[in-house]
C-alpha atoms as a PDB file:
ATOM      1  CA  MET A   1      50.468 -46.735 -75.965  1.00  0.00           C
ATOM      2  CA  GLU A   2      50.500 -42.995 -77.561  1.00  0.00           C
ATOM      3  CA  GLN A   3      50.261 -43.622 -81.598  1.00  0.00           C
ATOM      4  CA  ILE A   4      51.917 -41.704 -84.672  1.00  0.00           C
ATOM      5  CA  THR A   5      50.121 -42.310 -88.180  1.00  0.00           C
ATOM      6  CA  SER A   6      51.189 -39.332 -89.803  1.00  0.00           C
ATOM      7  CA  GLY A   7      54.986 -38.852 -91.626  1.00  0.00           C
ATOM      8  CA  GLN A   8      54.248 -35.221 -90.908  1.00  0.00           C
ATOM      9  CA  ASN A   9      54.567 -35.291 -87.428  1.00  0.00           C
ATOM     10  CA  PRO A  10      57.463 -33.242 -86.046  1.00  0.00           C
ATOM     11  CA  ARG A  11      59.138 -35.960 -84.014  1.00  0.00           C
ATOM     12  CA  ILE A  12      59.268 -38.358 -86.747  1.00  0.00           C
ATOM     13  CA  LYS A  13      60.540 -35.523 -88.830  1.00  0.00           C
ATOM     14  CA  HIS A  14      63.120 -35.183 -85.894  1.00  0.00           C
ATOM     15  CA  ILE A  15      64.138 -38.637 -86.236  1.00  0.00           C
ATOM     16  CA  ILE A  16      65.004 -38.653 -89.871  1.00  0.00           C
ATOM     17  CA  ASN A  17      66.905 -35.415 -89.304  1.00  0.00           C
ATOM     18  CA  LEU A  18      68.900 -37.394 -86.618  1.00  0.00           C
ATOM     19  CA  GLN A  19      69.829 -39.810 -89.112  1.00  0.00           C
ATOM     20  CA  GLN A  20      70.624 -37.655 -91.958  1.00  0.00           C
ATOM     21  CA  LYS A  21      72.252 -34.854 -90.124  1.00  0.00           C
ATOM     22  CA  SER A  22      75.679 -34.979 -87.755  1.00  0.00           C
ATOM     23  CA  GLY A  23      74.797 -31.279 -86.928  1.00  0.00           C
ATOM     24  CA  GLU A  24      71.395 -32.260 -85.563  1.00  0.00           C
ATOM     25  CA  ARG A  25      73.347 -35.276 -83.483  1.00  0.00           C
ATOM     26  CA  ARG A  26      75.630 -32.798 -82.318  1.00  0.00           C
ATOM     27  CA  LYS A  27      73.243 -30.376 -81.022  1.00  0.00           C
ATOM     28  CA  SER A  28      70.476 -32.430 -79.525  1.00  0.00           C
ATOM     29  CA  GLY A  29      73.257 -34.922 -77.886  1.00  0.00           C
ATOM     30  CA  THR A  30      71.095 -37.967 -79.151  1.00  0.00           C
ATOM     31  CA  PHE A  31      71.156 -40.518 -82.219  1.00  0.00           C
ATOM     32  CA  THR A  32      68.978 -42.821 -83.260  1.00  0.00           C
ATOM     33  CA  ILE A  33      69.390 -46.674 -83.687  1.00  0.00           C
ATOM     34  CA  GLU A  34      67.289 -49.276 -85.585  1.00  0.00           C
ATOM     35  CA  GLY A  35      66.774 -53.088 -84.909  1.00  0.00           C
ATOM     36  CA  GLN A  36      65.925 -54.952 -81.921  1.00  0.00           C
ATOM     37  CA  ARG A  37      70.133 -56.492 -81.720  1.00  0.00           C
ATOM     38  CA  GLU A  38      71.334 -52.733 -82.215  1.00  0.00           C
ATOM     39  CA  VAL A  39      68.861 -51.727 -78.932  1.00  0.00           C
ATOM     40  CA  GLN A  40      69.474 -54.707 -76.546  1.00  0.00           C
ATOM     41  CA  ARG A  41      73.674 -54.207 -77.450  1.00  0.00           C
ATOM     42  CA  CYS A  42      73.140 -50.220 -76.912  1.00  0.00           C
ATOM     43  CA  GLN A  43      71.322 -50.935 -73.342  1.00  0.00           C
ATOM     44  CA  GLU A  44      74.088 -53.647 -72.322  1.00  0.00           C
ATOM     45  CA  ALA A  45      76.723 -50.800 -72.786  1.00  0.00           C
ATOM     46  CA  GLY A  46      74.928 -48.666 -70.826  1.00  0.00           C
ATOM     47  CA  TYR A  47      73.463 -46.214 -72.991  1.00  0.00           C
ATOM     48  CA  GLU A  48      69.891 -44.425 -72.137  1.00  0.00           C
ATOM     49  CA  ILE A  49      67.238 -44.843 -74.252  1.00  0.00           C
ATOM     50  CA  THR A  50      64.943 -41.926 -74.360  1.00  0.00           C
ATOM     51  CA  ALA A  51      62.088 -43.387 -76.679  1.00  0.00           C
ATOM     52  CA  LEU A  52      61.312 -46.255 -78.709  1.00  0.00           C
ATOM     53  CA  TYR A  53      59.178 -46.156 -81.695  1.00  0.00           C
ATOM     54  CA  VAL A  54      57.806 -49.522 -82.542  1.00  0.00           C
ATOM     55  CA  CYS A  55      55.544 -50.624 -85.335  1.00  0.00           C
ATOM     56  CA  PRO A  56      53.429 -53.563 -84.186  1.00  0.00           C
ATOM     57  CA  GLU A  57      52.684 -55.295 -86.751  1.00  0.00           C
ATOM     58  CA  VAL A  58      56.616 -55.332 -87.980  1.00  0.00           C
ATOM     59  CA  MET A  59      57.416 -56.830 -84.559  1.00  0.00           C
ATOM     60  CA  LYS A  60      54.690 -59.319 -84.422  1.00  0.00           C
ATOM     61  CA  ALA A  61      56.080 -60.639 -87.441  1.00  0.00           C
ATOM     62  CA  SER A  62      59.717 -60.539 -86.568  1.00  0.00           C
ATOM     63  CA  ALA A  63      59.092 -62.663 -83.877  1.00  0.00           C
ATOM     64  CA  THR A  64      57.899 -65.349 -85.935  1.00  0.00           C
ATOM     65  CA  LEU A  65      60.538 -65.062 -88.304  1.00  0.00           C
ATOM     66  CA  GLY A  66      63.322 -63.503 -86.538  1.00  0.00           C
ATOM     67  CA  GLN A  67      66.559 -64.410 -85.166  1.00  0.00           C
ATOM     68  CA  THR A  68      67.080 -62.347 -82.049  1.00  0.00           C
ATOM     69  CA  GLU A  69      66.877 -62.716 -78.564  1.00  0.00           C
ATOM     70  CA  TRP A  70      63.798 -60.199 -78.300  1.00  0.00           C
ATOM     71  CA  ALA A  71      62.497 -62.271 -81.228  1.00  0.00           C
ATOM     72  CA  ALA A  72      62.553 -65.529 -79.445  1.00  0.00           C
ATOM     73  CA  GLU A  73      60.786 -63.684 -76.056  1.00  0.00           C
ATOM     74  CA  MET A  74      58.154 -62.297 -77.866  1.00  0.00           C
ATOM     75  CA  ARG A  75      56.701 -65.596 -79.623  1.00  0.00           C
ATOM     76  CA  GLY A  76      53.500 -65.954 -78.114  1.00  0.00           C
ATOM     77  CA  THR A  77      52.968 -62.374 -76.812  1.00  0.00           C
ATOM     78  CA  GLU A  78      50.245 -60.299 -77.987  1.00  0.00           C
ATOM     79  CA  ASP A  79      50.475 -57.025 -76.091  1.00  0.00           C
ATOM     80  CA  VAL A  80      54.026 -55.313 -77.897  1.00  0.00           C
ATOM     81  CA  GLU A  81      53.347 -52.333 -75.371  1.00  0.00           C
ATOM     82  CA  ASP A  82      54.088 -54.291 -72.335  1.00  0.00           C
ATOM     83  CA  PHE A  83      56.878 -56.382 -73.936  1.00  0.00           C
ATOM     84  CA  CYS A  84      58.706 -52.936 -75.119  1.00  0.00           C
ATOM     85  CA  ARG A  85      58.189 -51.302 -71.618  1.00  0.00           C
ATOM     86  CA  LYS A  86      59.463 -54.286 -69.681  1.00  0.00           C
ATOM     87  CA  LYS A  87      62.595 -54.048 -72.075  1.00  0.00           C
ATOM     88  CA  CYS A  88      63.015 -50.227 -71.848  1.00  0.00           C
ATOM     89  CA  PRO A  89      61.365 -49.157 -68.552  1.00  0.00           C
ATOM     90  CA  GLN A  90      62.521 -45.685 -68.604  1.00  0.00           C
ATOM     91  CA  ALA A  91      61.856 -45.403 -72.448  1.00  0.00           C
ATOM     92  CA  LYS A  92      58.883 -43.454 -74.053  1.00  0.00           C
ATOM     93  CA  ILE A  93      57.274 -45.766 -75.926  1.00  0.00           C
ATOM     94  CA  VAL A  94      55.586 -44.801 -79.284  1.00  0.00           C
ATOM     95  CA  ALA A  95      53.615 -46.628 -81.726  1.00  0.00           C
ATOM     96  CA  VAL A  96      53.874 -46.165 -85.454  1.00  0.00           C
ATOM     97  CA  GLY A  97      51.719 -47.538 -88.293  1.00  0.00           C
ATOM     98  CA  ARG A  98      53.600 -49.233 -91.335  1.00  0.00           C
ATOM     99  CA  ASN A  99      53.660 -46.152 -93.446  1.00  0.00           C
ATOM    100  CA  VAL A 100      55.565 -44.020 -90.775  1.00  0.00           C
ATOM    101  CA  TYR A 101      57.782 -47.003 -89.821  1.00  0.00           C
ATOM    102  CA  GLU A 102      59.015 -46.976 -93.343  1.00  0.00           C
ATOM    103  CA  LYS A 103      60.047 -43.339 -93.278  1.00  0.00           C
ATOM    104  CA  ILE A 104      62.061 -43.883 -90.362  1.00  0.00           C
ATOM    105  CA  ALA A 105      63.398 -47.595 -91.273  1.00  0.00           C
ATOM    106  CA  TYR A 106      66.699 -47.841 -93.268  1.00  0.00           C
ATOM    107  CA  ARG A 107      67.036 -51.457 -93.300  1.00  0.00           C
ATOM    108  CA  GLY A 108      65.245 -53.908 -95.374  1.00  0.00           C
ATOM    109  CA  GLY A 109      63.797 -56.850 -93.491  1.00  0.00           C
ATOM    110  CA  THR A 110      63.806 -54.726 -90.437  1.00  0.00           C
ATOM    111  CA  GLU A 111      62.474 -55.577 -86.999  1.00  0.00           C
ATOM    112  CA  GLY A 112      60.265 -52.912 -86.220  1.00  0.00           C
ATOM    113  CA  VAL A 113      62.121 -51.086 -83.620  1.00  0.00           C
ATOM    114  CA  VAL A 114      63.727 -47.454 -83.799  1.00  0.00           C
ATOM    115  CA  ALA A 115      65.320 -46.118 -80.722  1.00  0.00           C
ATOM    116  CA  VAL A 116      66.148 -42.569 -79.562  1.00  0.00           C
ATOM    117  CA  VAL A 117      69.319 -42.552 -77.443  1.00  0.00           C
ATOM    118  CA  LYS A 118      71.844 -40.141 -75.597  1.00  0.00           C
ATOM    119  CA  SER A 119      74.893 -40.026 -76.877  1.00  0.00           C
ATOM    120  CA  ARG A 120      78.359 -39.743 -74.506  1.00  0.00           C
ATOM    121  CA  PRO A 121      81.519 -38.445 -75.104  1.00  0.00           C
ATOM    122  CA  ASN A 122      84.167 -40.765 -76.407  1.00  0.00           C
ATOM    123  CA  THR A 123      87.434 -39.576 -74.674  1.00  0.00           C
ATOM    124  CA  LEU A 124      90.584 -41.129 -74.363  1.00  0.00           C
ATOM    125  CA  GLU A 125      89.768 -41.069 -70.646  1.00  0.00           C
ATOM    126  CA  ARG A 126      86.959 -43.018 -71.085  1.00  0.00           C
ATOM    127  CA  LEU A 127      89.109 -45.983 -71.910  1.00  0.00           C
ATOM    128  CA  GLU A 128      91.005 -45.753 -68.534  1.00  0.00           C
ATOM    129  CA  GLU A 129      88.653 -48.476 -67.077  1.00  0.00           C
ATOM    130  CA  ARG A 130      89.045 -50.729 -69.806  1.00  0.00           C
ATOM    131  CA  LEU A 131      92.983 -50.500 -69.775  1.00  0.00           C
ATOM    132  CA  GLN A 132      92.693 -51.520 -65.819  1.00  0.00           C
ATOM    133  CA  ALA A 133      90.191 -54.330 -66.354  1.00  0.00           C
ATOM    134  CA  LEU A 134      92.635 -56.179 -68.814  1.00  0.00           C
ATOM    135  CA  LYS A 135      95.729 -55.166 -66.043  1.00  0.00           C
ATOM    136  CA  ARG A 136      94.093 -56.917 -63.497  1.00  0.00           C
ATOM    137  CA  GLU A 137      93.568 -59.739 -65.788  1.00  0.00           C
ATOM    138  CA  GLY A 138      96.950 -60.182 -66.735  1.00  0.00           C
ATOM    139  CA  GLY A 139      96.492 -58.869 -70.215  1.00  0.00           C
ATOM    140  CA  GLU A 140      98.277 -56.607 -72.490  1.00  0.00           C
ATOM    141  CA  PRO A 141      96.141 -54.116 -74.621  1.00  0.00           C
ATOM    142  CA  LEU A 142      95.965 -54.341 -78.734  1.00  0.00           C
ATOM    143  CA  ILE A 143      94.631 -51.154 -80.007  1.00  0.00           C
ATOM    144  CA  ILE A 144      93.461 -50.014 -83.207  1.00  0.00           C
ATOM    145  CA  VAL A 145      94.079 -46.666 -84.191  1.00  0.00           C
ATOM    146  CA  LEU A 146      92.485 -45.193 -87.212  1.00  0.00           C
ATOM    147  CA  GLU A 147      93.648 -41.866 -88.911  1.00  0.00           C
ATOM    148  CA  GLY A 148      91.477 -40.022 -91.479  1.00  0.00           C
ATOM    149  CA  VAL A 149      89.053 -43.122 -92.243  1.00  0.00           C
ATOM    150  CA  GLU A 150      86.077 -41.415 -93.520  1.00  0.00           C
ATOM    151  CA  LYS A 151      83.864 -44.058 -94.679  1.00  0.00           C
ATOM    152  CA  PRO A 152      81.329 -45.079 -91.951  1.00  0.00           C
ATOM    153  CA  GLY A 153      80.949 -48.365 -93.610  1.00  0.00           C
ATOM    154  CA  ASN A 154      84.641 -49.179 -93.086  1.00  0.00           C
ATOM    155  CA  LEU A 155      84.462 -48.040 -89.793  1.00  0.00           C
ATOM    156  CA  GLY A 156      81.767 -49.841 -88.762  1.00  0.00           C
ATOM    157  CA  ALA A 157      83.232 -53.273 -90.094  1.00  0.00           C
ATOM    158  CA  ILE A 158      86.399 -52.685 -88.653  1.00  0.00           C
ATOM    159  CA  LEU A 159      84.479 -52.525 -85.139  1.00  0.00           C
ATOM    160  CA  ARG A 160      82.920 -55.784 -85.831  1.00  0.00           C
ATOM    161  CA  THR A 161      86.358 -57.116 -86.319  1.00  0.00           C
ATOM    162  CA  ALA A 162      87.350 -55.322 -83.243  1.00  0.00           C
ATOM    163  CA  ASP A 163      84.405 -57.170 -81.410  1.00  0.00           C
ATOM    164  CA  ALA A 164      85.442 -60.422 -82.950  1.00  0.00           C
ATOM    165  CA  THR A 165      89.124 -60.103 -81.738  1.00  0.00           C
ATOM    166  CA  GLY A 166      88.737 -58.990 -78.390  1.00  0.00           C
ATOM    167  CA  THR A 167      90.289 -55.447 -78.870  1.00  0.00           C
ATOM    168  CA  THR A 168      90.965 -53.548 -76.065  1.00  0.00           C
ATOM    169  CA  ALA A 169      89.574 -50.327 -77.601  1.00  0.00           C
ATOM    170  CA  VAL A 170      89.201 -48.255 -81.097  1.00  0.00           C
ATOM    171  CA  ILE A 171      90.539 -44.637 -81.563  1.00  0.00           C
ATOM    172  CA  VAL A 172      89.489 -42.403 -84.380  1.00  0.00           C
ATOM    173  CA  CYS A 173      92.131 -40.109 -85.190  1.00  0.00           C
ATOM    174  CA  ASP A 174      89.423 -37.252 -86.515  1.00  0.00           C
ATOM    175  CA  PRO A 175      87.595 -35.349 -83.892  1.00  0.00           C
ATOM    176  CA  LEU A 176      85.115 -34.649 -86.585  1.00  0.00           C
ATOM    177  CA  THR A 177      84.529 -38.372 -86.916  1.00  0.00           C
ATOM    178  CA  ASP A 178      80.710 -38.881 -85.739  1.00  0.00           C
ATOM    179  CA  LEU A 179      80.624 -42.465 -84.118  1.00  0.00           C
ATOM    180  CA  TYR A 180      76.945 -42.284 -84.332  1.00  0.00           C
ATOM    181  CA  ASN A 181      76.344 -41.910 -87.931  1.00  0.00           C
ATOM    182  CA  PRO A 182      73.521 -44.571 -88.695  1.00  0.00           C
ATOM    183  CA  ASN A 183      75.636 -46.237 -91.155  1.00  0.00           C
ATOM    184  CA  LEU A 184      78.424 -46.704 -89.039  1.00  0.00           C
ATOM    185  CA  ILE A 185      76.001 -48.589 -86.327  1.00  0.00           C
ATOM    186  CA  ARG A 186      74.318 -50.281 -88.897  1.00  0.00           C
ATOM    187  CA  SER A 187      77.522 -51.808 -90.508  1.00  0.00           C
ATOM    188  CA  SER A 188      78.753 -52.973 -87.227  1.00  0.00           C
ATOM    189  CA  LEU A 189      76.167 -54.936 -86.539  1.00  0.00           C
ATOM    190  CA  GLY A 190      76.121 -53.122 -83.102  1.00  0.00           C
ATOM    191  CA  ALA A 191      80.125 -53.582 -82.158  1.00  0.00           C
ATOM    192  CA  ALA A 192      79.620 -49.943 -81.904  1.00  0.00           C
ATOM    193  CA  PHE A 193      78.393 -50.433 -78.918  1.00  0.00           C
ATOM    194  CA  THR A 194      80.427 -53.460 -77.626  1.00  0.00           C
ATOM    195  CA  VAL A 195      83.904 -52.219 -78.598  1.00  0.00           C
ATOM    196  CA  PRO A 196      85.074 -49.296 -76.168  1.00  0.00           C
ATOM    197  CA  CYS A 197      85.655 -46.245 -78.853  1.00  0.00           C
ATOM    198  CA  ALA A 198      87.293 -42.863 -78.193  1.00  0.00           C
ATOM    199  CA  THR A 199      87.983 -39.870 -80.899  1.00  0.00           C
ATOM    200  CA  ALA A 200      91.147 -37.430 -80.517  1.00  0.00           C
ATOM    201  CA  THR A 201      93.964 -35.543 -82.446  1.00  0.00           C
ATOM    202  CA  SER A 202      96.674 -37.680 -83.734  1.00  0.00           C
ATOM    203  CA  GLN A 203      98.891 -35.269 -81.581  1.00  0.00           C
ATOM    204  CA  GLU A 204      96.441 -36.467 -78.709  1.00  0.00           C
ATOM    205  CA  ALA A 205      96.474 -39.936 -79.375  1.00  0.00           C
ATOM    206  CA  ILE A 206     100.406 -40.232 -79.702  1.00  0.00           C
ATOM    207  CA  ALA A 207     100.670 -38.694 -76.087  1.00  0.00           C
ATOM    208  CA  TRP A 208      98.608 -41.193 -74.867  1.00  0.00           C
ATOM    209  CA  LEU A 209      99.825 -44.275 -76.252  1.00  0.00           C
ATOM    210  CA  LYS A 210     103.381 -43.404 -75.377  1.00  0.00           C
ATOM    211  CA  ALA A 211     102.146 -42.036 -71.511  1.00  0.00           C
ATOM    212  CA  LYS A 212     100.565 -45.607 -71.399  1.00  0.00           C
ATOM    213  CA  GLY A 213     103.702 -47.421 -73.013  1.00  0.00           C
ATOM    214  CA  ILE A 214     101.569 -48.661 -75.619  1.00  0.00           C
ATOM    215  CA  ALA A 215     103.886 -49.630 -78.762  1.00  0.00           C
ATOM    216  CA  ILE A 216     103.278 -47.789 -81.891  1.00  0.00           C
ATOM    217  CA  LEU A 217     103.234 -49.608 -84.962  1.00  0.00           C
ATOM    218  CA  THR A 218     102.499 -48.429 -88.254  1.00  0.00           C
ATOM    219  CA  ALA A 219     100.707 -50.053 -91.256  1.00  0.00           C
ATOM    220  CA  GLN A 220     103.021 -49.090 -94.274  1.00  0.00           C
ATOM    221  CA  LEU A 221     104.499 -49.853 -97.511  1.00  0.00           C
ATOM    222  CA  GLN A 222     107.733 -47.807 -97.092  1.00  0.00           C
ATOM    223  CA  ASP A 223     110.741 -48.692 -94.289  1.00  0.00           C
ATOM    224  CA  SER A 224     108.549 -51.495 -92.991  1.00  0.00           C
ATOM    225  CA  GLU A 225     108.703 -55.269 -92.419  1.00  0.00           C
ATOM    226  CA  LEU A 226     106.245 -57.922 -92.510  1.00  0.00           C
ATOM    227  CA  TYR A 227     103.317 -57.879 -90.271  1.00  0.00           C
ATOM    228  CA  TYR A 228     104.052 -61.509 -88.895  1.00  0.00           C
ATOM    229  CA  ASP A 229     107.600 -60.631 -88.447  1.00  0.00           C
ATOM    230  CA  THR A 230     106.766 -58.194 -85.822  1.00  0.00           C
ATOM    231  CA  ASP A 231     106.217 -58.433 -81.737  1.00  0.00           C
ATOM    232  CA  MET A 232     102.490 -57.994 -81.222  1.00  0.00           C
ATOM    233  CA  THR A 233     102.349 -59.652 -77.425  1.00  0.00           C
ATOM    234  CA  ARG A 234     103.389 -56.578 -75.950  1.00  0.00           C
ATOM    235  CA  ALA A 235     100.970 -53.592 -75.320  1.00  0.00           C
ATOM    236  CA  THR A 236     100.453 -52.890 -78.866  1.00  0.00           C
ATOM    237  CA  ALA A 237      98.351 -50.073 -80.714  1.00  0.00           C
ATOM    238  CA  ILE A 238      98.424 -50.610 -84.553  1.00  0.00           C
ATOM    239  CA  ILE A 239      97.907 -47.414 -86.666  1.00  0.00           C
ATOM    240  CA  MET A 240      96.088 -47.503 -90.432  1.00  0.00           C
ATOM    241  CA  GLY A 241      95.462 -44.602 -92.273  1.00  0.00           C
ATOM    242  CA  THR A 242      93.257 -43.884 -95.746  1.00  0.00           C
ATOM    243  CA  GLU A 243      94.015 -46.306 -98.696  1.00  0.00           C
ATOM    244  CA  ALA A 244      94.194 -43.051-100.636  1.00  0.00           C
ATOM    245  CA  THR A 245      97.139 -41.427 -98.674  1.00  0.00           C
ATOM    246  CA  GLY A 246      98.172 -43.425 -95.753  1.00  0.00           C
ATOM    247  CA  LEU A 247      99.359 -42.353 -92.751  1.00  0.00           C
ATOM    248  CA  THR A 248     100.713 -38.547 -92.150  1.00  0.00           C
ATOM    249  CA  GLN A 249     104.344 -38.445 -91.125  1.00  0.00           C
ATOM    250  CA  GLN A 250     103.890 -37.364 -87.262  1.00  0.00           C
ATOM    251  CA  TRP A 251     102.593 -41.170 -86.735  1.00  0.00           C
ATOM    252  CA  ARG A 252     105.698 -42.713 -89.152  1.00  0.00           C
ATOM    253  CA  GLU A 253     108.017 -40.858 -86.827  1.00  0.00           C
ATOM    254  CA  ALA A 254     106.408 -41.718 -83.455  1.00  0.00           C
ATOM    255  CA  ALA A 255     106.299 -45.544 -84.712  1.00  0.00           C
ATOM    256  CA  ASP A 256     108.260 -48.050 -82.541  1.00  0.00           C
ATOM    257  CA  ALA A 257     107.753 -50.096 -85.671  1.00  0.00           C
ATOM    258  CA  HIS A 258     106.568 -50.182 -89.377  1.00  0.00           C
ATOM    259  CA  ILE A 259     104.808 -52.955 -90.367  1.00  0.00           C
ATOM    260  CA  ARG A 260     102.993 -54.015 -94.029  1.00  0.00           C
ATOM    261  CA  ILE A 261     101.090 -56.738 -95.442  1.00  0.00           C
ATOM    262  CA  PRO A 262     102.570 -58.707 -98.340  1.00  0.00           C
ATOM    263  CA  MET A 263     100.863 -57.830-102.161  1.00  0.00           C
ATOM    264  CA  LEU A 264     101.667 -60.449-104.201  1.00  0.00           C
ATOM    265  CA  GLY A 265      99.453 -59.504-106.856  1.00  0.00           C
ATOM    266  CA  HIS A 266      99.178 -56.494-109.303  1.00  0.00           C
ATOM    267  CA  CYS A 267      97.251 -54.258-106.268  1.00  0.00           C
ATOM    268  CA  ASP A 268      99.382 -52.726-103.960  1.00  0.00           C
ATOM    269  CA  SER A 269      96.604 -52.429-101.008  1.00  0.00           C
ATOM    270  CA  LEU A 270      93.683 -53.866 -99.375  1.00  0.00           C
ATOM    271  CA  ASN A 271      90.514 -52.408 -98.022  1.00  0.00           C
ATOM    272  CA  VAL A 272      91.336 -50.847 -94.834  1.00  0.00           C
ATOM    273  CA  SER A 273      88.503 -53.044 -92.996  1.00  0.00           C
ATOM    274  CA  VAL A 274      90.223 -55.965 -94.562  1.00  0.00           C
ATOM    275  CA  SER A 275      94.115 -54.895 -93.443  1.00  0.00           C
ATOM    276  CA  ALA A 276      92.581 -54.643 -89.833  1.00  0.00           C
ATOM    277  CA  ALA A 277      90.864 -57.501 -89.597  1.00  0.00           C
ATOM    278  CA  VAL A 278      94.390 -59.653 -91.118  1.00  0.00           C
ATOM    279  CA  LEU A 279      96.404 -57.735 -88.470  1.00  0.00           C
ATOM    280  CA  LEU A 280      94.224 -57.766 -85.585  1.00  0.00           C
ATOM    281  CA  TYR A 281      93.875 -61.376 -85.863  1.00  0.00           C
ATOM    282  CA  GLU A 282      97.963 -62.013 -86.309  1.00  0.00           C
ATOM    283  CA  GLY A 283      97.739 -60.005 -82.886  1.00  0.00           C
ATOM    284  CA  ILE A 284      95.598 -62.667 -82.006  1.00  0.00           C
ATOM    285  CA  ARG A 285      97.510 -65.633 -83.215  1.00  0.00           C
ATOM    286  CA  GLN A 286     100.915 -64.566 -81.317  1.00  0.00           C
ATOM    287  CA  ARG A 287      99.248 -64.094 -77.982  1.00  0.00           C
ATOM    288  CA  ASN A 288      97.641 -67.201 -78.032  1.00  0.00           C
ATOM    289  CA  ILE A 289     101.087 -68.806 -78.863  1.00  0.00           C
ATOM    290  CA  LYS A 290     102.667 -67.352 -76.492  1.00  0.00           C
ATOM    291  CA  LYS A 291      99.795 -68.867 -73.628  1.00  0.00           C
ATOM    292  CA  GLN A 292     100.609 -72.497 -74.605  1.00  0.00           C
END
């Protein structure tokens, strides 16, 4: 197994650039992920892992203490290279010392693995397969659309909720949004790979939703009805904007209904990720009642 012992190695510098610069991710068509769970979910979603940088010392420790599937399989395994090669047969396996690993690892209590992965386009067209599969199952789509949500941590938290609720897809209406931001991937706990995602302009998303016959429900305080009085059993897209400015006028005008979460205290809004959770779980509640 090839080994890198210096943090000044060009490939280590490249990994750091991928982590820190969205331009580098776009230019190279690759991004990084960290952690055994994230690598596994990335693989299951069909992404191509090109390189795996592993710290054998840390990986062996994680096998003893960790709770991931990889950790369970590694217990009693001495040959880290052989284990990694079986898990990622197409990837280049590179060993790094602990000092190097600490330069490229963000998380505390990390698990000894950082992967370089090929990115792929996140277009609305990529959601077609998911919609077709849902139609064959007799289900109706439940989609969350985010306009201008800038903080990667918020977007990652929403993806976790989308995964937990079985949400059909997440559409981010800001083409500059980087779905491969490491903070987003980290905060999503791998849900960035389990939930179908797309980026588009608001105009493109509105046209796509209307062409699919998906009702547009905009979350807004003005001229709105309580969310639990609104039908979410039909094909539904819940549209959310930023906490500071809300949604743009084009979404308000395109909406089939305006919905709001009641605020009974002094604050007039919730964190956008919390609001998304409330509304998505209401969609699930209504659909479960309809099935009964």
